[in-house]
Amino acid sequence: MIQWLAEPGLTHFLIVSAILFSLGLMAVLSKRNVIMVLMGVELILNSANINMIAFSRFTDLGLDGQMIGLFIIIIAAAEAAVALAIVLNIYNRFNSINLDEISLLKG
């Protein structure tokens, strides 16, 4: 059978997860916009989800990995709601979401 038509294995999922994690880490470390940093954190959480579900499928974990993935999704949704509320309050106070301009919070 042609190789690219074969069913993806654990390695394929781990490569996709590593790419998502790298992109998320790059966004968190390099961006100065709060929204982009939050998007990077979400990418990192999604890469963890892919790992959990892939290991659940290709090992004998059963539904444990999928349940952990579900909890990660719930935590990510709650984190996004709280972070968005914080960003809106920062924007109302400073009229900017640039991390460099928000350094006034230190003083």
C-alpha atoms as a PDB file:
ATOM      1  CA  MET A   1       0.000   0.000   0.000  1.00  0.00           C
ATOM      2  CA  ILE A   2       1.135   3.542  -0.642  1.00  0.00           C
ATOM      3  CA  GLN A   3       2.853   4.956   2.451  1.00  0.00           C
ATOM      4  CA  TRP A   4       0.999   8.295   2.581  1.00  0.00           C
ATOM      5  CA  LEU A   5      -2.359   6.524   2.590  1.00  0.00           C
ATOM      6  CA  ALA A   6      -1.448   4.479   5.650  1.00  0.00           C
ATOM      7  CA  GLU A   7      -3.065   5.182   9.006  1.00  0.00           C
ATOM      8  CA  PRO A   8      -1.109   7.713  11.074  1.00  0.00           C
ATOM      9  CA  GLY A   9       0.775   6.287  14.013  1.00  0.00           C
ATOM     10  CA  LEU A  10       1.877   7.628  17.378  1.00  0.00           C
ATOM     11  CA  THR A  11       4.921   9.299  15.840  1.00  0.00           C
ATOM     12  CA  HIS A  12       2.757  11.421  13.550  1.00  0.00           C
ATOM     13  CA  PHE A  13       0.683  12.700  16.466  1.00  0.00           C
ATOM     14  CA  LEU A  14       3.798  13.434  18.517  1.00  0.00           C
ATOM     15  CA  ILE A  15       5.316  15.412  15.638  1.00  0.00           C
ATOM     16  CA  VAL A  16       2.148  17.507  15.258  1.00  0.00           C
ATOM     17  CA  SER A  17       2.092  18.036  19.010  1.00  0.00           C
ATOM     18  CA  ALA A  18       5.747  19.102  19.066  1.00  0.00           C
ATOM     19  CA  ILE A  19       5.119  21.584  16.250  1.00  0.00           C
ATOM     20  CA  LEU A  20       2.117  23.074  18.094  1.00  0.00           C
ATOM     21  CA  PHE A  21       4.090  23.270  21.337  1.00  0.00           C
ATOM     22  CA  SER A  22       7.004  24.987  19.570  1.00  0.00           C
ATOM     23  CA  LEU A  23       4.721  27.532  17.919  1.00  0.00           C
ATOM     24  CA  GLY A  24       2.964  28.217  21.230  1.00  0.00           C
ATOM     25  CA  LEU A  25       6.245  28.629  23.091  1.00  0.00           C
ATOM     26  CA  MET A  26       7.553  30.937  20.385  1.00  0.00           C
ATOM     27  CA  ALA A  27       4.381  33.050  20.630  1.00  0.00           C
ATOM     28  CA  VAL A  28       4.600  33.262  24.427  1.00  0.00           C
ATOM     29  CA  LEU A  29       8.273  34.233  24.444  1.00  0.00           C
ATOM     30  CA  SER A  30       8.404  36.593  21.472  1.00  0.00           C
ATOM     31  CA  LYS A  31       5.110  38.478  21.296  1.00  0.00           C
ATOM     32  CA  ARG A  32       4.371  41.671  23.195  1.00  0.00           C
ATOM     33  CA  ASN A  33       0.624  41.599  22.636  1.00  0.00           C
ATOM     34  CA  VAL A  34      -1.340  40.042  25.495  1.00  0.00           C
ATOM     35  CA  ILE A  35      -3.821  38.369  23.142  1.00  0.00           C
ATOM     36  CA  MET A  36      -1.002  36.685  21.200  1.00  0.00           C
ATOM     37  CA  VAL A  37       0.560  35.432  24.440  1.00  0.00           C
ATOM     38  CA  LEU A  38      -2.781  33.935  25.469  1.00  0.00           C
ATOM     39  CA  MET A  39      -3.108  32.286  22.056  1.00  0.00           C
ATOM     40  CA  GLY A  40       0.352  30.780  22.562  1.00  0.00           C
ATOM     41  CA  VAL A  41      -0.723  29.340  25.919  1.00  0.00           C
ATOM     42  CA  GLU A  42      -3.772  27.809  24.243  1.00  0.00           C
ATOM     43  CA  LEU A  43      -1.542  26.204  21.592  1.00  0.00           C
ATOM     44  CA  ILE A  44       0.599  24.689  24.339  1.00  0.00           C
ATOM     45  CA  LEU A  45      -2.486  23.276  26.070  1.00  0.00           C
ATOM     46  CA  ASN A  46      -3.761  21.855  22.765  1.00  0.00           C
ATOM     47  CA  SER A  47      -0.443  20.127  22.171  1.00  0.00           C
ATOM     48  CA  ALA A  48      -0.776  18.510  25.591  1.00  0.00           C
ATOM     49  CA  ASN A  49      -4.278  17.364  24.599  1.00  0.00           C
ATOM     50  CA  ILE A  50      -2.973  15.756  21.430  1.00  0.00           C
ATOM     51  CA  ASN A  51      -0.343  13.893  23.448  1.00  0.00           C
ATOM     52  CA  MET A  52      -2.851  12.642  26.007  1.00  0.00           C
ATOM     53  CA  ILE A  53      -5.321  11.377  23.423  1.00  0.00           C
ATOM     54  CA  ALA A  54      -2.609   9.864  21.206  1.00  0.00           C
ATOM     55  CA  PHE A  55      -1.089   7.943  24.118  1.00  0.00           C
ATOM     56  CA  SER A  56      -4.578   6.892  25.183  1.00  0.00           C
ATOM     57  CA  ARG A  57      -5.244   5.493  21.723  1.00  0.00           C
ATOM     58  CA  PHE A  58      -1.917   3.773  21.076  1.00  0.00           C
ATOM     59  CA  THR A  59      -1.308   2.353  24.556  1.00  0.00           C
ATOM     60  CA  ASP A  60      -3.477   0.444  26.989  1.00  0.00           C
ATOM     61  CA  LEU A  61      -4.548   3.489  29.021  1.00  0.00           C
ATOM     62  CA  GLY A  62      -8.159   3.091  27.976  1.00  0.00           C
ATOM     63  CA  LEU A  63     -10.192   6.236  28.517  1.00  0.00           C
ATOM     64  CA  ASP A  64      -7.820   7.760  31.077  1.00  0.00           C
ATOM     65  CA  GLY A  65      -5.959   9.886  28.523  1.00  0.00           C
ATOM     66  CA  GLN A  66      -9.191  11.054  26.955  1.00  0.00           C
ATOM     67  CA  MET A  67     -10.595  12.063  30.343  1.00  0.00           C
ATOM     68  CA  ILE A  68      -7.438  14.014  31.134  1.00  0.00           C
ATOM     69  CA  GLY A  69      -7.779  15.672  27.719  1.00  0.00           C
ATOM     70  CA  LEU A  70     -11.354  16.624  28.538  1.00  0.00           C
ATOM     71  CA  PHE A  71     -10.249  18.184  31.841  1.00  0.00           C
ATOM     72  CA  ILE A  72      -7.517  20.115  30.009  1.00  0.00           C
ATOM     73  CA  ILE A  73     -10.140  21.520  27.629  1.00  0.00           C
ATOM     74  CA  ILE A  74     -12.326  22.579  30.577  1.00  0.00           C
ATOM     75  CA  ILE A  75      -9.376  24.229  32.336  1.00  0.00           C
ATOM     76  CA  ALA A  76      -8.343  25.981  29.104  1.00  0.00           C
ATOM     77  CA  ALA A  77     -11.855  27.379  28.659  1.00  0.00           C
ATOM     78  CA  ALA A  78     -11.902  28.698  32.231  1.00  0.00           C
ATOM     79  CA  GLU A  79      -8.400  30.129  31.794  1.00  0.00           C
ATOM     80  CA  ALA A  80      -9.424  31.876  28.584  1.00  0.00           C
ATOM     81  CA  ALA A  81     -12.461  33.442  30.260  1.00  0.00           C
ATOM     82  CA  VAL A  82     -10.463  34.728  33.230  1.00  0.00           C
ATOM     83  CA  ALA A  83      -7.611  35.933  31.022  1.00  0.00           C
ATOM     84  CA  LEU A  84     -10.006  37.768  28.706  1.00  0.00           C
ATOM     85  CA  ALA A  85     -11.570  39.519  31.702  1.00  0.00           C
ATOM     86  CA  ILE A  86      -8.109  40.571  32.893  1.00  0.00           C
ATOM     87  CA  VAL A  87      -7.160  41.808  29.407  1.00  0.00           C
ATOM     88  CA  LEU A  88     -10.364  43.849  29.150  1.00  0.00           C
ATOM     89  CA  ASN A  89      -9.685  45.460  32.544  1.00  0.00           C
ATOM     90  CA  ILE A  90      -6.102  46.249  31.537  1.00  0.00           C
ATOM     91  CA  TYR A  91      -7.311  47.761  28.270  1.00  0.00           C
ATOM     92  CA  ASN A  92      -9.877  49.911  30.102  1.00  0.00           C
ATOM     93  CA  ARG A  93      -7.202  51.189  32.476  1.00  0.00           C
ATOM     94  CA  PHE A  94      -4.215  51.664  30.130  1.00  0.00           C
ATOM     95  CA  ASN A  95      -5.883  51.835  26.655  1.00  0.00           C
ATOM     96  CA  SER A  96      -3.320  49.325  25.416  1.00  0.00           C
ATOM     97  CA  ILE A  97      -2.743  45.587  25.425  1.00  0.00           C
ATOM     98  CA  ASN A  98       0.973  45.872  24.691  1.00  0.00           C
ATOM     99  CA  LEU A  99       2.961  44.139  27.446  1.00  0.00           C
ATOM    100  CA  ASP A 100       5.743  46.746  27.339  1.00  0.00           C
ATOM    101  CA  GLU A 101       3.327  49.586  28.044  1.00  0.00           C
ATOM    102  CA  ILE A 102       1.683  47.744  30.937  1.00  0.00           C
ATOM    103  CA  SER A 103       4.884  47.685  32.992  1.00  0.00           C
ATOM    104  CA  LEU A 104       3.340  50.497  35.048  1.00  0.00           C
ATOM    105  CA  LEU A 105       1.595  47.791  37.054  1.00  0.00           C
ATOM    106  CA  LYS A 106       4.885  47.102  38.898  1.00  0.00           C
ATOM    107  CA  GLY A 107       4.911  50.425  40.727  1.00  0.00           C
END
